Amino acid sequence: MSLRASHWAMGQKDLTPLSKLVLIHMADCHSGQTGRCEVTVDDLADLCGVTCAAVNACLDELCARGLIVPASDGLEFLLSCGQSEDGPADE
């Protein structure tokens, strides 16, 4: 878990409540060393109490907003918590 990623996720504005919940759970699974979120859509659906289709819709929204980026292997995501509207975040 990365506290920095969790703090970043909680501070995001203008998201639907479910998208924010998905982002917070992703941040909870974020590795501060690799930048990767090692969580499956099934796990996110279970954690959020919704369907996989609902999680996939949230992931699409989060990608469109530039908050997450699919990892090159397509199985994980990278959070964009290293950047903010004000520029790069401190380590």
C-alpha atoms as a PDB file:
ATOM      1  CA  MET A   1       0.000   0.000   0.000  1.00  0.00           C
ATOM      2  CA  SER A   2       1.201   3.486  -0.827  1.00  0.00           C
ATOM      3  CA  LEU A   3      -0.022   6.210   1.522  1.00  0.00           C
ATOM      4  CA  ARG A   4       0.973   8.798  -1.055  1.00  0.00           C
ATOM      5  CA  ALA A   5      -1.209   7.099  -3.678  1.00  0.00           C
ATOM      6  CA  SER A   6      -4.126   6.794  -1.246  1.00  0.00           C
ATOM      7  CA  HIS A   7      -3.892  10.476  -0.327  1.00  0.00           C
ATOM      8  CA  TRP A   8      -3.707  11.400  -4.018  1.00  0.00           C
ATOM      9  CA  ALA A   9      -6.751   9.237  -4.851  1.00  0.00           C
ATOM     10  CA  MET A  10      -8.849  10.730  -2.056  1.00  0.00           C
ATOM     11  CA  GLY A  11      -8.038  14.224  -3.278  1.00  0.00           C
ATOM     12  CA  GLN A  12      -9.345  13.684  -6.814  1.00  0.00           C
ATOM     13  CA  LYS A  13     -12.338  15.850  -7.701  1.00  0.00           C
ATOM     14  CA  ASP A  14     -15.216  15.561 -10.158  1.00  0.00           C
ATOM     15  CA  LEU A  15     -15.412  11.770 -10.229  1.00  0.00           C
ATOM     16  CA  THR A  16     -18.522   9.696  -9.832  1.00  0.00           C
ATOM     17  CA  PRO A  17     -18.695   8.151  -6.352  1.00  0.00           C
ATOM     18  CA  LEU A  18     -18.054   4.671  -7.753  1.00  0.00           C
ATOM     19  CA  SER A  19     -15.088   5.786  -9.855  1.00  0.00           C
ATOM     20  CA  LYS A  20     -13.571   7.446  -6.804  1.00  0.00           C
ATOM     21  CA  LEU A  21     -14.117   4.284  -4.755  1.00  0.00           C
ATOM     22  CA  VAL A  22     -12.459   2.182  -7.457  1.00  0.00           C
ATOM     23  CA  LEU A  23      -9.543   4.624  -7.584  1.00  0.00           C
ATOM     24  CA  ILE A  24      -9.140   4.529  -3.798  1.00  0.00           C
ATOM     25  CA  HIS A  25      -9.112   0.721  -3.807  1.00  0.00           C
ATOM     26  CA  MET A  26      -6.587   0.768  -6.640  1.00  0.00           C
ATOM     27  CA  ALA A  27      -4.414   3.141  -4.623  1.00  0.00           C
ATOM     28  CA  ASP A  28      -4.658   0.743  -1.708  1.00  0.00           C
ATOM     29  CA  CYS A  29      -3.135  -1.928  -3.977  1.00  0.00           C
ATOM     30  CA  HIS A  30      -0.476   0.432  -5.358  1.00  0.00           C
ATOM     31  CA  SER A  31       3.209  -0.379  -5.016  1.00  0.00           C
ATOM     32  CA  GLY A  32       5.194   2.754  -4.315  1.00  0.00           C
ATOM     33  CA  GLN A  33       8.286   1.023  -5.691  1.00  0.00           C
ATOM     34  CA  THR A  34       6.915  -0.165  -9.034  1.00  0.00           C
ATOM     35  CA  GLY A  35       4.031   2.277  -9.514  1.00  0.00           C
ATOM     36  CA  ARG A  36       1.784  -0.646 -10.411  1.00  0.00           C
ATOM     37  CA  CYS A  37      -1.628  -1.516  -8.999  1.00  0.00           C
ATOM     38  CA  GLU A  38      -1.707  -5.257  -8.601  1.00  0.00           C
ATOM     39  CA  VAL A  39      -5.444  -5.855  -8.439  1.00  0.00           C
ATOM     40  CA  THR A  40      -7.874  -7.564 -10.790  1.00  0.00           C
ATOM     41  CA  VAL A  41     -11.205  -6.307 -12.049  1.00  0.00           C
ATOM     42  CA  ASP A  42     -12.828  -9.202 -10.158  1.00  0.00           C
ATOM     43  CA  ASP A  43     -11.121  -8.086  -6.936  1.00  0.00           C
ATOM     44  CA  LEU A  44     -12.179  -4.469  -7.457  1.00  0.00           C
ATOM     45  CA  ALA A  45     -15.758  -5.564  -8.133  1.00  0.00           C
ATOM     46  CA  ASP A  46     -15.770  -7.587  -4.923  1.00  0.00           C
ATOM     47  CA  LEU A  47     -14.220  -4.761  -2.879  1.00  0.00           C
ATOM     48  CA  CYS A  48     -16.692  -2.203  -4.245  1.00  0.00           C
ATOM     49  CA  GLY A  49     -19.726  -4.476  -4.172  1.00  0.00           C
ATOM     50  CA  VAL A  50     -20.527  -4.022  -7.859  1.00  0.00           C
ATOM     51  CA  THR A  51     -20.277  -5.955 -11.117  1.00  0.00           C
ATOM     52  CA  CYS A  52     -17.165  -6.306 -13.241  1.00  0.00           C
ATOM     53  CA  ALA A  53     -18.954  -4.335 -15.957  1.00  0.00           C
ATOM     54  CA  ALA A  54     -19.413  -1.422 -13.553  1.00  0.00           C
ATOM     55  CA  VAL A  55     -15.723  -1.541 -12.603  1.00  0.00           C
ATOM     56  CA  ASN A  56     -14.709  -1.644 -16.278  1.00  0.00           C
ATOM     57  CA  ALA A  57     -16.825   1.471 -16.926  1.00  0.00           C
ATOM     58  CA  CYS A  58     -15.024   3.212 -14.051  1.00  0.00           C
ATOM     59  CA  LEU A  59     -11.636   2.114 -15.366  1.00  0.00           C
ATOM     60  CA  ASP A  60     -12.567   3.581 -18.765  1.00  0.00           C
ATOM     61  CA  GLU A  61     -13.486   6.882 -17.081  1.00  0.00           C
ATOM     62  CA  LEU A  62     -10.282   6.941 -15.026  1.00  0.00           C
ATOM     63  CA  CYS A  63      -8.192   6.211 -18.137  1.00  0.00           C
ATOM     64  CA  ALA A  64      -9.992   8.913 -20.126  1.00  0.00           C
ATOM     65  CA  ARG A  65      -9.216  11.433 -17.369  1.00  0.00           C
ATOM     66  CA  GLY A  66      -5.569  10.378 -17.347  1.00  0.00           C
ATOM     67  CA  LEU A  67      -5.689   9.194 -13.729  1.00  0.00           C
ATOM     68  CA  ILE A  68      -4.668   5.639 -14.580  1.00  0.00           C
ATOM     69  CA  VAL A  69      -2.780   4.085 -17.470  1.00  0.00           C
ATOM     70  CA  PRO A  70      -2.960   0.409 -18.444  1.00  0.00           C
ATOM     71  CA  ALA A  71       0.399  -1.298 -17.889  1.00  0.00           C
ATOM     72  CA  SER A  72       2.151  -2.637 -20.967  1.00  0.00           C
ATOM     73  CA  ASP A  73       1.141  -6.209 -20.099  1.00  0.00           C
ATOM     74  CA  GLY A  74      -2.531  -5.183 -19.987  1.00  0.00           C
ATOM     75  CA  LEU A  75      -3.034  -6.935 -16.661  1.00  0.00           C
ATOM     76  CA  GLU A  76      -2.300  -4.086 -14.267  1.00  0.00           C
ATOM     77  CA  PHE A  77      -2.568  -0.316 -14.128  1.00  0.00           C
ATOM     78  CA  LEU A  78      -0.239   2.522 -13.310  1.00  0.00           C
ATOM     79  CA  LEU A  79      -1.595   5.389 -11.226  1.00  0.00           C
ATOM     80  CA  SER A  80      -0.818   8.899 -12.405  1.00  0.00           C
ATOM     81  CA  CYS A  81      -0.198  10.073  -8.839  1.00  0.00           C
ATOM     82  CA  GLY A  82       3.264  11.323  -9.723  1.00  0.00           C
ATOM     83  CA  GLN A  83       1.687  14.273 -11.529  1.00  0.00           C
ATOM     84  CA  SER A  84      -0.885  16.815 -10.451  1.00  0.00           C
ATOM     85  CA  GLU A  85      -2.390  19.927 -11.927  1.00  0.00           C
ATOM     86  CA  ASP A  86       0.379  21.851 -10.155  1.00  0.00           C
ATOM     87  CA  GLY A  87       3.195  19.737 -11.631  1.00  0.00           C
ATOM     88  CA  PRO A  88       5.201  16.781 -10.348  1.00  0.00           C
ATOM     89  CA  ALA A  89       4.522  15.610  -6.821  1.00  0.00           C
ATOM     90  CA  ASP A  90       7.301  15.359  -4.294  1.00  0.00           C
ATOM     91  CA  GLU A  91       8.694  11.931  -3.490  1.00  0.00           C
END
